[in-house]
C-alpha cells in the first residue's frame, strides 16, 4: 500500500462514518477496512501513515496545533497530526502548505468557540489494530522506519508569544488568542 492508497482508505473510512468530523469513528472504519486486506498491505499501510507523520512534522504546523489546543507537547503534536490525517488528503495537503488555513475549517472554528481540543491518538494505531484484527499478532518488528526532517530554525520561536503568533498565524491567532 502506497501513500495514495492509504489516502483512499482514509476517504473510505470518512465515507462510512456517520459523522465524518468524528476522527475516532473515521479511524475505526478505516482500520476495519484495512483489516480485510492481506497482512503485507497492512504492514505497508503503517509505513504510509508514518511517512505522512514525517511530512507533517513542521514548526508552523506545530505552532498551529499549539494555538488550537492551548499548548502542544511532542505526543500532543503526534495526536494533532493524527486528527489532521483523518480530515483527508486535500485538507492535509492544504494545511501542511499553509497551517493558518486551518482557521477556515468549521471544526477548528467550533473548537475555538467551545474550547475542545483537536487530536486523534487512535490514528497512530490504525494499521497496528488492523494487523492485530487480521492476524491475531502485532505488526512485525521493523515494520516501519521514520526519519523526521529538521525543524525550520526560522520558526524557533516561543509559541506563547502572542505578538509572534499573531504575525505568523494571523487567522488562527484571531480565533484562539482573544
N, C-alpha and C. Protein backbone atom coordinates (compact mmCIF):
# COMPACT_ATOMS: atom_id res chain seq x y z
N UNK A 1 0.85 -1.17 0.00
CA UNK A 1 0.00 0.00 0.00
C UNK A 1 0.89 1.23 0.00
N UNK A 2 0.66 2.09 -0.96
CA UNK A 2 1.41 3.34 -1.02
C UNK A 2 0.60 4.46 -0.38
N UNK A 3 1.16 5.65 -0.39
CA UNK A 3 0.50 6.77 0.27
C UNK A 3 -0.84 7.09 -0.36
N UNK A 4 -0.92 7.04 -1.68
CA UNK A 4 -2.19 7.34 -2.34
C UNK A 4 -3.26 6.32 -1.96
N UNK A 5 -2.90 5.07 -1.87
CA UNK A 5 -3.85 4.04 -1.45
C UNK A 5 -4.25 4.24 0.02
N UNK A 6 -3.30 4.70 0.82
CA UNK A 6 -3.63 5.00 2.21
C UNK A 6 -4.68 6.11 2.27
N UNK A 7 -4.49 7.15 1.44
CA UNK A 7 -5.47 8.23 1.42
C UNK A 7 -6.84 7.73 0.98
N UNK A 8 -6.87 6.80 0.04
CA UNK A 8 -8.15 6.21 -0.38
C UNK A 8 -8.81 5.48 0.78
N UNK A 9 -8.00 4.82 1.59
CA UNK A 9 -8.50 4.13 2.78
C UNK A 9 -9.12 5.13 3.77
N UNK A 10 -8.43 6.24 3.98
CA UNK A 10 -8.95 7.27 4.88
C UNK A 10 -10.27 7.81 4.34
N UNK A 11 -10.32 8.08 3.05
CA UNK A 11 -11.55 8.60 2.45
C UNK A 11 -12.69 7.59 2.57
N UNK A 12 -12.38 6.32 2.41
CA UNK A 12 -13.42 5.28 2.58
C UNK A 12 -13.91 5.27 4.02
N UNK A 13 -13.01 5.41 4.97
CA UNK A 13 -13.39 5.49 6.38
C UNK A 13 -14.26 6.70 6.65
N UNK A 14 -13.92 7.82 6.04
CA UNK A 14 -14.73 9.04 6.19
C UNK A 14 -16.12 8.81 5.59
N UNK A 15 -16.16 8.11 4.47
CA UNK A 15 -17.43 7.86 3.82
C UNK A 15 -18.35 6.96 4.62
N UNK A 16 -17.78 6.04 5.38
CA UNK A 16 -18.58 5.13 6.20
C UNK A 16 -19.00 5.73 7.53
N UNK A 17 -18.28 6.75 7.96
CA UNK A 17 -18.56 7.35 9.26
C UNK A 17 -19.90 8.08 9.23
N UNK A 18 -20.70 7.84 10.24
CA UNK A 18 -21.97 8.58 10.34
C UNK A 18 -21.71 10.06 10.60
N UNK A 19 -20.56 10.35 11.20
CA UNK A 19 -20.15 11.72 11.47
C UNK A 19 -18.68 11.87 11.05
N UNK A 20 -18.41 12.31 9.82
CA UNK A 20 -17.03 12.41 9.34
C UNK A 20 -16.13 13.33 10.16
N UNK A 21 -16.71 14.20 10.99
CA UNK A 21 -15.90 15.04 11.88
C UNK A 21 -15.42 14.27 13.10
N UNK A 22 -15.96 13.08 13.33
CA UNK A 22 -15.55 12.24 14.45
C UNK A 22 -14.33 11.42 14.02
N UNK A 23 -13.15 11.93 14.35
CA UNK A 23 -11.90 11.31 13.90
C UNK A 23 -11.78 9.86 14.35
N UNK A 24 -12.20 9.56 15.58
CA UNK A 24 -12.11 8.19 16.08
C UNK A 24 -12.99 7.25 15.26
N UNK A 25 -14.17 7.72 14.86
CA UNK A 25 -15.04 6.88 14.04
C UNK A 25 -14.42 6.64 12.66
N UNK A 26 -13.84 7.66 12.09
CA UNK A 26 -13.16 7.52 10.80
C UNK A 26 -12.06 6.46 10.91
N UNK A 27 -11.28 6.54 11.98
CA UNK A 27 -10.18 5.58 12.17
C UNK A 27 -10.72 4.16 12.36
N UNK A 28 -11.78 4.00 13.13
CA UNK A 28 -12.37 2.66 13.33
C UNK A 28 -12.78 2.04 12.00
N UNK A 29 -13.44 2.83 11.16
CA UNK A 29 -13.88 2.31 9.86
C UNK A 29 -12.68 2.01 8.95
N UNK A 30 -11.73 2.93 8.90
CA UNK A 30 -10.55 2.72 8.05
C UNK A 30 -9.77 1.50 8.51
N UNK A 31 -9.64 1.32 9.82
CA UNK A 31 -8.91 0.17 10.35
C UNK A 31 -9.63 -1.14 10.02
N UNK A 32 -10.96 -1.13 10.13
CA UNK A 32 -11.73 -2.34 9.79
C UNK A 32 -11.59 -2.68 8.30
N UNK A 33 -11.61 -1.66 7.45
CA UNK A 33 -11.41 -1.90 6.02
C UNK A 33 -10.01 -2.45 5.75
N UNK A 34 -9.03 -1.88 6.42
CA UNK A 34 -7.65 -2.32 6.24
C UNK A 34 -7.47 -3.75 6.72
N UNK A 35 -8.15 -4.13 7.79
CA UNK A 35 -8.03 -5.48 8.35
C UNK A 35 -8.48 -6.56 7.36
N UNK A 36 -9.27 -6.19 6.38
CA UNK A 36 -9.74 -7.15 5.37
C UNK A 36 -8.71 -7.38 4.27
N UNK A 37 -7.62 -6.66 4.31
CA UNK A 37 -6.58 -6.77 3.28
C UNK A 37 -5.48 -7.73 3.73
N UNK A 38 -4.64 -8.15 2.81
CA UNK A 38 -3.52 -9.04 3.18
C UNK A 38 -2.58 -8.36 4.18
N UNK A 39 -1.96 -9.17 5.01
CA UNK A 39 -1.07 -8.67 6.07
C UNK A 39 0.04 -7.77 5.51
N UNK A 40 0.54 -8.09 4.32
CA UNK A 40 1.60 -7.28 3.73
C UNK A 40 1.12 -5.86 3.44
N UNK A 41 -0.12 -5.73 3.00
CA UNK A 41 -0.68 -4.41 2.73
C UNK A 41 -0.89 -3.64 4.03
N UNK A 42 -1.29 -4.35 5.06
CA UNK A 42 -1.50 -3.70 6.35
C UNK A 42 -0.17 -3.15 6.86
N UNK A 43 0.87 -3.95 6.74
CA UNK A 43 2.20 -3.51 7.16
C UNK A 43 2.65 -2.31 6.34
N UNK A 44 2.40 -2.34 5.05
CA UNK A 44 2.76 -1.21 4.18
C UNK A 44 1.96 0.04 4.55
N UNK A 45 0.72 -0.15 5.00
CA UNK A 45 -0.09 0.99 5.42
C UNK A 45 0.54 1.68 6.62
N UNK A 46 1.15 0.92 7.51
CA UNK A 46 1.83 1.50 8.66
C UNK A 46 2.94 2.44 8.20
N UNK A 47 3.70 2.01 7.18
CA UNK A 47 4.76 2.87 6.67
C UNK A 47 4.18 4.11 6.00
N UNK A 48 3.10 3.95 5.25
CA UNK A 48 2.46 5.10 4.59
C UNK A 48 2.00 6.12 5.63
N UNK A 49 1.41 5.63 6.71
CA UNK A 49 0.96 6.51 7.79
C UNK A 49 2.13 7.30 8.35
N UNK A 50 3.22 6.63 8.65
CA UNK A 50 4.35 7.32 9.27
C UNK A 50 5.08 8.22 8.29
N UNK A 51 4.97 7.93 6.99
CA UNK A 51 5.51 8.87 6.00
C UNK A 51 4.73 10.19 6.07
N UNK A 52 3.41 10.09 6.25
CA UNK A 52 2.59 11.31 6.40
C UNK A 52 2.90 12.03 7.70
N UNK A 53 3.16 11.27 8.75
CA UNK A 53 3.54 11.90 10.01
C UNK A 53 4.84 12.67 9.85
N UNK A 54 5.79 12.12 9.12
CA UNK A 54 7.06 12.81 8.89
C UNK A 54 6.86 14.04 8.01
N UNK A 55 6.02 13.90 6.98
CA UNK A 55 5.75 15.03 6.08
C UNK A 55 5.15 16.21 6.83
N UNK A 56 4.33 15.93 7.81
CA UNK A 56 3.63 16.99 8.53
C UNK A 56 4.39 17.48 9.77
N UNK A 57 5.59 17.01 9.95
CA UNK A 57 6.39 17.39 11.11
C UNK A 57 7.11 18.71 10.81
N UNK A 58 6.40 19.81 11.01
CA UNK A 58 6.96 21.14 10.75
C UNK A 58 6.64 22.08 11.91
N UNK A 59 7.52 23.05 12.10
CA UNK A 59 7.27 24.05 13.15
C UNK A 59 5.99 24.85 12.91
N UNK A 60 5.72 25.30 11.68
CA UNK A 60 4.49 26.09 11.50
C UNK A 60 3.23 25.29 11.87
N UNK A 61 3.20 24.02 11.53
CA UNK A 61 2.03 23.22 11.89
C UNK A 61 2.01 23.00 13.40
N UNK A 62 3.16 22.81 14.00
CA UNK A 62 3.23 22.65 15.46
C UNK A 62 2.72 23.91 16.15
N UNK A 63 3.10 25.07 15.63
CA UNK A 63 2.63 26.33 16.21
C UNK A 63 1.10 26.42 16.09
N UNK A 64 0.57 25.99 14.96
CA UNK A 64 -0.89 26.00 14.76
C UNK A 64 -1.56 25.06 15.77
N UNK A 65 -1.01 23.88 15.94
CA UNK A 65 -1.57 22.93 16.91
C UNK A 65 -1.50 23.51 18.31
N UNK A 66 -0.42 24.20 18.61
CA UNK A 66 -0.24 24.83 19.92
C UNK A 66 -1.34 25.86 20.17
N UNK A 67 -1.62 26.67 19.18
CA UNK A 67 -2.68 27.67 19.33
C UNK A 67 -4.04 26.99 19.50
N UNK A 68 -4.33 26.04 18.65
CA UNK A 68 -5.65 25.40 18.64
C UNK A 68 -5.91 24.63 19.93
N UNK A 69 -4.92 23.91 20.41
CA UNK A 69 -5.12 23.04 21.57
C UNK A 69 -4.66 23.66 22.88
N UNK A 70 -4.30 24.92 22.85
CA UNK A 70 -3.90 25.59 24.09
C UNK A 70 -2.61 25.04 24.67
N UNK A 71 -1.70 24.66 23.80
CA UNK A 71 -0.43 24.02 24.16
C UNK A 71 -0.30 22.74 23.37
N UNK A 72 0.93 22.24 23.24
CA UNK A 72 1.10 21.04 22.41
C UNK A 72 2.46 20.40 22.68
N UNK A 73 2.44 19.30 23.42
CA UNK A 73 3.66 18.53 23.69
C UNK A 73 4.06 17.74 22.43
N UNK A 74 5.16 17.01 22.52
CA UNK A 74 5.57 16.14 21.42
C UNK A 74 4.47 15.15 21.08
N UNK A 75 3.96 14.46 22.11
CA UNK A 75 2.89 13.50 21.89
C UNK A 75 1.63 14.19 21.39
N UNK A 76 1.33 15.34 21.97
CA UNK A 76 0.16 16.09 21.53
C UNK A 76 0.24 16.47 20.06
N UNK A 77 1.45 16.78 19.59
CA UNK A 77 1.62 17.11 18.17
C UNK A 77 1.38 15.87 17.31
N UNK A 78 1.83 14.72 17.77
CA UNK A 78 1.54 13.47 17.04
C UNK A 78 0.03 13.26 16.95
N UNK A 79 -0.67 13.45 18.05
CA UNK A 79 -2.12 13.22 18.07
C UNK A 79 -2.86 14.25 17.23
N UNK A 80 -2.37 15.48 17.22
CA UNK A 80 -2.96 16.51 16.37
C UNK A 80 -2.80 16.13 14.90
N UNK A 81 -1.61 15.69 14.52
CA UNK A 81 -1.38 15.28 13.13
C UNK A 81 -2.21 14.05 12.79
N UNK A 82 -2.43 13.17 13.78
CA UNK A 82 -3.34 12.04 13.57
C UNK A 82 -4.73 12.54 13.24
N UNK A 83 -5.20 13.56 13.97
CA UNK A 83 -6.50 14.16 13.67
C UNK A 83 -6.50 14.73 12.27
N UNK A 84 -5.44 15.45 11.91
CA UNK A 84 -5.36 16.08 10.60
C UNK A 84 -5.44 15.04 9.48
N UNK A 85 -4.80 13.91 9.66
CA UNK A 85 -4.85 12.85 8.65
C UNK A 85 -6.29 12.38 8.43
N UNK A 86 -7.08 12.32 9.49
CA UNK A 86 -8.46 11.86 9.34
C UNK A 86 -9.32 12.86 8.56
N UNK A 87 -8.83 14.05 8.33
CA UNK A 87 -9.56 15.05 7.55
C UNK A 87 -9.46 14.79 6.06
N UNK A 88 -8.53 13.93 5.64
CA UNK A 88 -8.39 13.60 4.22
C UNK A 88 -7.22 14.30 3.57
N UNK A 89 -6.90 13.81 2.38
CA UNK A 89 -5.70 14.26 1.68
C UNK A 89 -5.75 15.74 1.30
N UNK A 90 -6.86 16.19 0.78
CA UNK A 90 -6.93 17.58 0.32
C UNK A 90 -6.69 18.55 1.49
N UNK A 91 -7.37 18.32 2.59
CA UNK A 91 -7.19 19.18 3.76
C UNK A 91 -5.77 19.05 4.30
N UNK A 92 -5.28 17.83 4.41
CA UNK A 92 -3.93 17.59 4.91
C UNK A 92 -2.90 18.37 4.09
N UNK A 93 -2.99 18.25 2.78
CA UNK A 93 -2.02 18.90 1.89
C UNK A 93 -2.11 20.42 2.03
N UNK A 94 -3.32 20.95 2.02
CA UNK A 94 -3.50 22.40 2.14
C UNK A 94 -2.95 22.91 3.46
N UNK A 95 -3.24 22.20 4.54
CA UNK A 95 -2.80 22.63 5.86
C UNK A 95 -1.29 22.50 6.02
N UNK A 96 -0.70 21.46 5.45
CA UNK A 96 0.77 21.34 5.53
C UNK A 96 1.44 22.49 4.78
N UNK A 97 0.84 22.92 3.69
CA UNK A 97 1.39 24.06 2.93
C UNK A 97 1.14 25.38 3.63
N UNK A 98 -0.02 25.52 4.30
CA UNK A 98 -0.40 26.77 4.95
C UNK A 98 -1.17 26.45 6.23
N UNK A 99 -0.46 26.21 7.34
CA UNK A 99 -1.15 25.86 8.58
C UNK A 99 -2.20 26.87 9.03
N UNK A 100 -2.03 28.14 8.66
CA UNK A 100 -3.01 29.15 9.05
C UNK A 100 -4.36 28.91 8.36
N UNK A 101 -4.36 28.11 7.29
CA UNK A 101 -5.62 27.79 6.60
C UNK A 101 -6.54 26.92 7.48
N UNK A 102 -6.01 26.36 8.55
CA UNK A 102 -6.86 25.63 9.49
C UNK A 102 -8.01 26.50 9.98
N UNK A 103 -7.80 27.81 10.04
CA UNK A 103 -8.83 28.73 10.53
C UNK A 103 -10.08 28.70 9.65
N UNK A 104 -9.98 28.18 8.44
CA UNK A 104 -11.12 28.10 7.54
C UNK A 104 -12.02 26.90 7.84
N UNK A 105 -11.52 25.90 8.57
CA UNK A 105 -12.28 24.68 8.80
C UNK A 105 -13.35 24.90 9.87
N UNK A 106 -14.58 24.52 9.57
CA UNK A 106 -15.65 24.69 10.55
C UNK A 106 -15.35 24.03 11.90
N UNK A 107 -14.72 22.86 11.88
CA UNK A 107 -14.42 22.18 13.14
C UNK A 107 -13.39 22.96 13.97
N UNK A 108 -12.46 23.59 13.31
CA UNK A 108 -11.47 24.43 14.02
C UNK A 108 -12.17 25.64 14.61
N UNK A 109 -13.08 26.22 13.86
CA UNK A 109 -13.84 27.36 14.37
C UNK A 109 -14.69 26.95 15.57
N UNK A 110 -15.27 25.76 15.50
CA UNK A 110 -16.05 25.25 16.63
C UNK A 110 -15.16 25.02 17.84
N UNK A 111 -13.95 24.51 17.61
CA UNK A 111 -13.01 24.29 18.72
C UNK A 111 -12.65 25.62 19.37
N UNK A 112 -12.52 26.67 18.57
CA UNK A 112 -12.21 27.99 19.12
C UNK A 112 -13.37 28.49 19.97
N UNK A 113 -14.57 28.25 19.52
CA UNK A 113 -15.75 28.74 20.24
C UNK A 113 -16.04 27.93 21.50
N UNK A 114 -15.83 26.61 21.42
CA UNK A 114 -16.23 25.73 22.52
C UNK A 114 -15.08 25.24 23.38
N UNK A 115 -13.84 25.49 22.95
CA UNK A 115 -12.69 25.14 23.77
C UNK A 115 -12.31 23.67 23.79
N UNK A 116 -12.69 22.89 22.78
CA UNK A 116 -12.27 21.49 22.78
C UNK A 116 -11.01 21.33 21.93
N UNK A 117 -10.27 20.27 22.22
CA UNK A 117 -9.01 20.01 21.51
C UNK A 117 -9.26 19.16 20.27
N UNK A 118 -8.37 19.30 19.32
CA UNK A 118 -8.43 18.51 18.10
C UNK A 118 -7.24 17.56 18.11
N UNK A 119 -7.53 16.30 18.32
CA UNK A 119 -6.48 15.29 18.34
C UNK A 119 -7.10 13.93 18.07
N UNK A 120 -6.27 13.00 17.69
CA UNK A 120 -6.75 11.64 17.48
C UNK A 120 -5.57 10.67 17.60
N UNK A 121 -5.30 10.27 18.82
CA UNK A 121 -4.23 9.31 19.08
C UNK A 121 -4.50 8.00 18.34
N UNK A 122 -5.77 7.65 18.19
CA UNK A 122 -6.14 6.37 17.56
C UNK A 122 -5.61 6.23 16.14
N UNK A 123 -5.40 7.34 15.45
CA UNK A 123 -4.86 7.28 14.08
C UNK A 123 -3.52 6.57 14.07
N UNK A 124 -2.72 6.79 15.10
CA UNK A 124 -1.38 6.22 15.14
C UNK A 124 -1.41 4.69 15.22
N UNK A 125 -2.51 4.14 15.71
CA UNK A 125 -2.66 2.69 15.83
C UNK A 125 -3.52 2.07 14.75
N UNK A 126 -3.88 2.84 13.73
CA UNK A 126 -4.78 2.35 12.69
C UNK A 126 -4.30 1.04 12.08
N UNK A 127 -3.08 1.00 11.59
CA UNK A 127 -2.56 -0.22 10.95
C UNK A 127 -2.25 -1.29 12.00
N UNK A 128 -1.75 -0.87 13.15
CA UNK A 128 -1.45 -1.82 14.22
C UNK A 128 -2.71 -2.62 14.58
N UNK A 129 -3.81 -1.91 14.80
CA UNK A 129 -5.06 -2.56 15.18
C UNK A 129 -5.61 -3.41 14.04
N UNK A 130 -5.44 -2.95 12.81
CA UNK A 130 -5.90 -3.74 11.66
C UNK A 130 -5.10 -5.05 11.56
N UNK A 131 -3.81 -4.97 11.77
CA UNK A 131 -2.96 -6.17 11.70
C UNK A 131 -3.33 -7.15 12.81
N UNK A 132 -3.56 -6.62 13.99
CA UNK A 132 -3.95 -7.45 15.12
C UNK A 132 -5.30 -8.13 14.84
N UNK A 133 -6.24 -7.39 14.29
CA UNK A 133 -7.55 -7.96 13.97
C UNK A 133 -7.45 -9.01 12.86
N UNK A 134 -6.58 -8.78 11.89
CA UNK A 134 -6.47 -9.68 10.74
C UNK A 134 -5.67 -10.94 11.04
N UNK A 135 -4.64 -10.80 11.86
CA UNK A 135 -3.71 -11.92 12.05
C UNK A 135 -3.66 -12.44 13.48
N UNK A 136 -4.17 -11.66 14.41
CA UNK A 136 -4.04 -12.02 15.81
C UNK A 136 -2.67 -11.69 16.38
N UNK A 137 -1.85 -11.05 15.58
CA UNK A 137 -0.48 -10.69 16.00
C UNK A 137 -0.23 -9.21 15.77
N UNK A 138 0.68 -8.64 16.56
CA UNK A 138 1.04 -7.24 16.31
C UNK A 138 1.83 -7.13 15.01
N UNK A 139 2.02 -5.92 14.56
CA UNK A 139 2.86 -5.70 13.38
C UNK A 139 4.24 -6.28 13.63
N UNK A 140 4.87 -6.78 12.58
CA UNK A 140 6.20 -7.35 12.77
C UNK A 140 7.22 -6.28 13.17
N UNK A 141 8.23 -6.70 13.93
CA UNK A 141 9.28 -5.74 14.29
C UNK A 141 9.90 -5.13 13.03
N UNK A 142 10.22 -3.88 13.10
CA UNK A 142 10.83 -3.20 11.96
C UNK A 142 9.85 -2.92 10.83
N UNK A 143 8.55 -2.87 11.15
CA UNK A 143 7.53 -2.67 10.12
C UNK A 143 7.56 -1.25 9.54
N UNK A 144 8.27 -0.37 10.20
CA UNK A 144 8.32 0.98 9.67
C UNK A 144 9.64 1.63 10.02
N UNK A 145 9.96 2.61 9.21
CA UNK A 145 11.09 3.48 9.52
C UNK A 145 10.55 4.91 9.43
N UNK A 146 11.08 5.73 10.27
CA UNK A 146 10.68 7.13 10.22
C UNK A 146 11.89 8.00 10.49
N UNK A 147 12.00 9.00 9.68
CA UNK A 147 13.06 9.99 9.86
C UNK A 147 12.38 11.35 9.75
N UNK A 148 12.26 11.99 10.89
CA UNK A 148 11.65 13.31 10.89
C UNK A 148 12.63 14.32 10.30
N UNK A 149 12.12 15.26 9.53
CA UNK A 149 13.00 16.30 8.99
C UNK A 149 13.45 17.25 10.10
N UNK A 150 14.50 17.97 9.82
CA UNK A 150 14.92 19.02 10.74
C UNK A 150 13.85 20.10 10.76
N UNK A 151 13.59 20.62 11.94
CA UNK A 151 12.62 21.71 12.05
C UNK A 151 13.25 23.01 11.57
N UNK A 152 12.45 23.86 10.99
CA UNK A 152 12.89 25.13 10.43
C UNK A 152 13.36 26.07 11.54
N UNK A 153 14.64 26.42 11.57
CA UNK A 153 15.14 27.29 12.64
C UNK A 153 14.50 28.68 12.62
N UNK A 154 13.95 29.10 11.49
CA UNK A 154 13.27 30.40 11.43
C UNK A 154 12.00 30.40 12.27
N UNK A 155 11.51 29.20 12.62
CA UNK A 155 10.32 29.08 13.45
C UNK A 155 10.67 28.68 14.88
N UNK A 156 11.91 28.82 15.24
CA UNK A 156 12.33 28.52 16.60
C UNK A 156 11.98 29.71 17.49
N UNK A 157 10.68 29.84 17.74
CA UNK A 157 10.16 30.98 18.50
C UNK A 157 9.30 30.46 19.64
N UNK A 158 9.00 31.32 20.55
CA UNK A 158 8.14 30.99 21.68
C UNK A 158 6.69 31.00 21.21
N UNK A 159 6.05 29.85 21.21
CA UNK A 159 4.66 29.76 20.76
C UNK A 159 3.71 30.47 21.72
N UNK A 160 4.17 30.84 22.89
CA UNK A 160 3.36 31.62 23.82
C UNK A 160 3.47 33.13 23.58
N UNK A 161 4.32 33.52 22.65
CA UNK A 161 4.49 34.93 22.32
C UNK A 161 3.33 35.35 21.41
N UNK A 162 2.35 36.01 22.01
CA UNK A 162 1.11 36.37 21.29
C UNK A 162 1.40 37.21 20.04
N UNK A 163 2.30 38.16 20.14
CA UNK A 163 2.60 39.03 19.00
C UNK A 163 3.23 38.22 17.86
N UNK A 164 4.14 37.32 18.22
CA UNK A 164 4.80 36.50 17.21
C UNK A 164 3.81 35.56 16.52
N UNK A 165 2.94 34.92 17.30
CA UNK A 165 1.95 34.02 16.73
C UNK A 165 0.93 34.79 15.88
N UNK A 166 0.59 35.99 16.31
CA UNK A 166 -0.34 36.82 15.52
C UNK A 166 0.30 37.20 14.19
N UNK A 167 1.58 37.45 14.20
CA UNK A 167 2.30 37.80 12.97
C UNK A 167 2.40 36.60 12.04
N UNK A 168 2.69 35.44 12.60
CA UNK A 168 2.95 34.25 11.78
C UNK A 168 1.68 33.49 11.38
N UNK A 169 0.70 33.45 12.26
CA UNK A 169 -0.55 32.70 12.01
C UNK A 169 -1.74 33.62 12.33
N UNK A 170 -1.93 34.66 11.55
CA UNK A 170 -2.91 35.69 11.91
C UNK A 170 -4.35 35.19 12.00
N UNK A 171 -4.77 34.31 11.12
CA UNK A 171 -6.17 33.85 11.15
C UNK A 171 -6.43 32.96 12.36
N UNK A 172 -5.49 32.07 12.67
CA UNK A 172 -5.64 31.23 13.86
C UNK A 172 -5.54 32.06 15.13
N UNK A 173 -4.61 33.01 15.14
CA UNK A 173 -4.47 33.87 16.32
C UNK A 173 -5.75 34.66 16.57
N UNK A 174 -6.41 35.09 15.52
CA UNK A 174 -7.66 35.83 15.69
C UNK A 174 -8.74 34.95 16.35
N UNK A 175 -8.68 33.66 16.08
CA UNK A 175 -9.66 32.74 16.67
C UNK A 175 -9.31 32.35 18.10
N UNK A 176 -8.02 32.11 18.36
CA UNK A 176 -7.62 31.48 19.61
C UNK A 176 -6.94 32.40 20.61
N UNK A 177 -6.50 33.57 20.21
CA UNK A 177 -5.79 34.48 21.12
C UNK A 177 -6.65 35.72 21.38
N UNK A 178 -7.83 35.51 21.84
CA UNK A 178 -8.72 36.65 22.11
C UNK A 178 -8.51 37.17 23.50
